[in-house]
């Protein structure tokens, strides 16, 4: 099983749960702080690490091919809304180009049987009626929101056009131990308290 962004907040916890469940886990990790997350979780030496970025198609293809991956959990993204607004180009590169690289590599590697792609409730954008449902139109307009709309559309396109067995999950306000990004609502609230 390949976990993109394995050193990130959510993906590192998912990797930990998978390793503890006995899964063979391969993680793509871009930066050394990501490896520290995996070390902190006690799983760094219990999984295979591919150093690289999802914006590098060859790195994604190599990880899928060399480890004969059958399932891909695509969680790598620039996930901080404020950072996305300050730096939209790097956000689009990571969240859009990175997603199409993962989808294209999964389409081209015969061992891949399923793909789960992490999107965001931010893809819904501003809505006149709340709560929104899965049938609500995607209206994301800000850089992060728009990048997640594109993630959804690209994933749907690969599923429909190529029969790629892909699923989209729209995450909202994920929180838990080790999240020190104080701009997120739950950690920021806890820090303020």
Protein backbone atom coordinates (compact mmCIF):
# COMPACT_ATOMS: atom_id res chain seq x y z
CA UNK A 1 0.00 0.00 0.00
CA UNK A 2 1.36 3.41 -0.99
CA UNK A 3 0.64 6.45 1.19
CA UNK A 4 1.55 9.74 -0.45
CA UNK A 5 2.61 12.46 1.94
CA UNK A 6 3.29 9.78 4.55
CA UNK A 7 5.17 12.22 6.76
CA UNK A 8 2.29 14.67 6.96
CA UNK A 9 -0.06 15.01 9.89
CA UNK A 10 -3.00 12.85 8.74
CA UNK A 11 -1.00 10.49 6.52
CA UNK A 12 1.49 9.67 9.28
CA UNK A 13 -1.35 8.59 11.59
CA UNK A 14 -2.89 6.52 8.79
CA UNK A 15 0.51 4.96 8.07
CA UNK A 16 0.86 4.11 11.76
CA UNK A 17 -2.57 2.44 11.85
CA UNK A 18 -1.79 0.47 8.69
CA UNK A 19 1.60 -0.71 9.97
CA UNK A 20 0.05 -1.74 13.28
CA UNK A 21 -2.64 -3.65 11.37
CA UNK A 22 0.06 -5.62 9.59
CA UNK A 23 -0.08 -3.91 6.19
CA UNK A 24 3.00 -3.51 4.04
CA UNK A 25 3.29 0.25 3.76
CA UNK A 26 5.34 2.34 1.36
CA UNK A 27 5.39 6.07 1.98
CA UNK A 28 6.41 8.92 -0.25
CA UNK A 29 8.11 11.55 1.90
CA UNK A 30 9.24 14.90 0.49
CA UNK A 31 11.09 16.48 3.42
CA UNK A 32 13.02 15.31 6.47
CA UNK A 33 10.43 16.71 8.96
CA UNK A 34 8.07 14.10 7.51
CA UNK A 35 10.47 11.35 8.43
CA UNK A 36 10.58 12.75 11.95
CA UNK A 37 6.78 12.33 12.21
CA UNK A 38 7.19 8.67 11.27
CA UNK A 39 10.02 8.26 13.78
CA UNK A 40 7.88 9.88 16.48
CA UNK A 41 5.11 7.37 15.68
CA UNK A 42 7.60 4.52 15.98
CA UNK A 43 7.10 3.29 12.42
CA UNK A 44 9.98 4.82 10.44
CA UNK A 45 11.81 1.50 10.29
CA UNK A 46 8.66 -0.57 9.80
CA UNK A 47 7.78 0.78 6.39
CA UNK A 48 9.52 1.53 3.11
CA UNK A 49 10.28 5.19 2.43
CA UNK A 50 10.58 6.71 -1.03
CA UNK A 51 12.16 10.14 -0.92
CA UNK A 52 10.56 12.38 -3.48
CA UNK A 53 7.68 14.60 -4.39
CA UNK A 54 4.39 13.80 -6.05
CA UNK A 55 5.08 16.61 -8.52
CA UNK A 56 7.83 14.34 -9.88
CA UNK A 57 5.96 11.78 -11.97
CA UNK A 58 8.97 9.45 -12.11
CA UNK A 59 9.16 9.27 -8.30
CA UNK A 60 5.49 8.30 -8.03
CA UNK A 61 5.74 5.75 -10.82
CA UNK A 62 8.90 4.25 -9.29
CA UNK A 63 7.26 3.89 -5.87
CA UNK A 64 4.20 2.16 -7.32
CA UNK A 65 6.18 -0.07 -9.66
CA UNK A 66 9.14 -1.11 -7.51
CA UNK A 67 6.98 -2.00 -4.52
CA UNK A 68 4.19 -3.62 -6.61
CA UNK A 69 1.58 -1.44 -4.91
CA UNK A 70 -2.03 -2.56 -5.15
CA UNK A 71 -3.65 0.29 -3.17
CA UNK A 72 -2.76 3.98 -3.18
CA UNK A 73 -3.89 6.40 -0.50
CA UNK A 74 -3.22 9.86 -1.91
CA UNK A 75 -2.95 12.29 1.01
CA UNK A 76 -0.01 14.43 -0.08
CA UNK A 77 -0.99 18.06 -0.47
CA UNK A 78 -0.26 21.57 0.58
CA UNK A 79 -2.98 21.52 3.22
CA UNK A 80 -2.66 24.84 5.01
CA UNK A 81 -5.24 27.32 3.71
CA UNK A 82 -3.25 30.42 4.72
CA UNK A 83 -0.12 29.12 2.99
CA UNK A 84 -2.18 28.36 -0.11
CA UNK A 85 -3.43 31.92 -0.25
CA UNK A 86 0.11 33.29 0.15
CA UNK A 87 1.60 30.91 -2.42
CA UNK A 88 -1.00 29.72 -4.91
CA UNK A 89 1.46 28.46 -7.54
CA UNK A 90 3.15 25.95 -5.24
CA UNK A 91 -0.28 24.92 -3.95
CA UNK A 92 -1.56 24.31 -7.48
CA UNK A 93 1.59 22.41 -8.36
CA UNK A 94 1.33 20.14 -5.33
CA UNK A 95 -2.42 19.70 -5.15
CA UNK A 96 -3.31 19.62 -8.84
CA UNK A 97 -0.20 18.47 -10.70
CA UNK A 98 0.63 16.10 -7.85
CA UNK A 99 -2.83 14.58 -8.08
CA UNK A 100 -2.72 14.07 -11.83
CA UNK A 101 0.74 12.50 -11.48
CA UNK A 102 -0.57 10.06 -8.86
CA UNK A 103 -3.67 9.22 -10.93
CA UNK A 104 -1.70 8.80 -14.17
CA UNK A 105 0.91 6.61 -12.50
CA UNK A 106 -1.81 4.49 -10.88
CA UNK A 107 -3.51 4.13 -14.27
CA UNK A 108 -0.27 2.94 -15.86
CA UNK A 109 0.84 0.46 -13.19
CA UNK A 110 -1.00 -2.84 -13.59
CA UNK A 111 -0.68 -3.86 -9.94
CA UNK A 112 -2.78 -0.90 -8.70
CA UNK A 113 -6.33 -2.06 -7.94
CA UNK A 114 -7.67 0.91 -5.95
CA UNK A 115 -6.98 4.56 -5.24
CA UNK A 116 -8.38 6.74 -2.46
CA UNK A 117 -7.88 10.47 -2.89
CA UNK A 118 -8.14 12.95 -0.02
CA UNK A 119 -9.99 16.08 -0.98
CA UNK A 120 -11.51 18.64 1.34
CA UNK A 121 -14.87 20.05 2.33
CA UNK A 122 -13.32 23.36 1.21
CA UNK A 123 -14.09 22.20 -2.35
CA UNK A 124 -17.73 23.15 -1.62
CA UNK A 125 -16.74 26.77 -1.13
CA UNK A 126 -19.32 29.22 0.16
CA UNK A 127 -22.80 27.70 0.09
CA UNK A 128 -26.19 29.36 0.66
CA UNK A 129 -27.60 26.21 2.29
CA UNK A 130 -25.90 24.34 5.11
CA UNK A 131 -25.08 21.67 5.87
CA UNK A 132 -23.88 20.65 2.45
CA UNK A 133 -24.11 17.09 1.19
CA UNK A 134 -22.11 15.05 -1.30
CA UNK A 135 -24.52 16.26 -3.99
CA UNK A 136 -23.80 19.93 -3.30
CA UNK A 137 -22.11 21.74 -6.19
CA UNK A 138 -18.38 22.34 -5.78
CA UNK A 139 -17.87 26.12 -5.61
CA UNK A 140 -14.36 26.47 -4.20
CA UNK A 141 -12.87 29.78 -5.31
CA UNK A 142 -9.84 30.53 -3.11
CA UNK A 143 -6.53 28.86 -4.09
CA UNK A 144 -6.71 25.92 -1.65
CA UNK A 145 -10.44 25.43 -2.29
CA UNK A 146 -9.98 25.57 -6.07
CA UNK A 147 -7.09 23.10 -5.90
CA UNK A 148 -9.36 20.62 -4.13
CA UNK A 149 -12.15 21.14 -6.69
CA UNK A 150 -9.55 20.23 -9.32
CA UNK A 151 -8.50 17.18 -7.27
CA UNK A 152 -12.10 15.98 -7.27
CA UNK A 153 -12.64 16.65 -10.97
CA UNK A 154 -9.37 14.98 -11.99
CA UNK A 155 -10.14 11.91 -9.89
CA UNK A 156 -13.64 11.62 -11.31
CA UNK A 157 -12.24 12.05 -14.83
CA UNK A 158 -9.77 9.17 -14.37
CA UNK A 159 -12.46 6.97 -12.87
CA UNK A 160 -14.92 7.61 -15.70
CA UNK A 161 -12.52 7.81 -18.64
CA UNK A 162 -10.07 5.04 -17.72
CA UNK A 163 -12.04 2.95 -15.27
CA UNK A 164 -9.51 3.73 -12.54
CA UNK A 165 -11.04 2.35 -9.31
CA UNK A 166 -10.83 5.64 -7.41
CA UNK A 167 -12.66 7.01 -4.40
CA UNK A 168 -12.73 10.58 -3.13
CA UNK A 169 -13.05 11.55 0.50
CA UNK A 170 -13.68 15.16 1.48
CA UNK A 171 -11.98 15.65 4.83
CA UNK A 172 -12.96 18.42 7.24
CA UNK A 173 -11.10 19.71 10.30
CA UNK A 174 -8.99 16.66 10.96
CA UNK A 175 -7.32 16.91 14.34
CA UNK A 176 -5.28 14.85 16.73
CA UNK A 177 -2.04 14.46 18.59
CA UNK A 178 1.04 16.06 17.15
CA UNK A 179 -0.77 18.70 15.09
CA UNK A 180 1.08 21.90 15.88
CA UNK A 181 -0.31 23.90 13.01
CA UNK A 182 -1.92 26.57 15.15
CA UNK A 183 -3.81 28.10 12.21
CA UNK A 184 -6.14 25.09 12.16
CA UNK A 185 -9.31 25.49 14.17
CA UNK A 186 -8.91 22.65 16.70
CA UNK A 187 -5.20 23.08 17.58
CA UNK A 188 -5.60 26.87 17.56
CA UNK A 189 -8.58 26.69 19.89
CA UNK A 190 -6.80 24.29 22.26
CA UNK A 191 -3.73 26.53 22.33
CA UNK A 192 -5.89 29.57 23.08
CA UNK A 193 -7.62 27.74 25.93
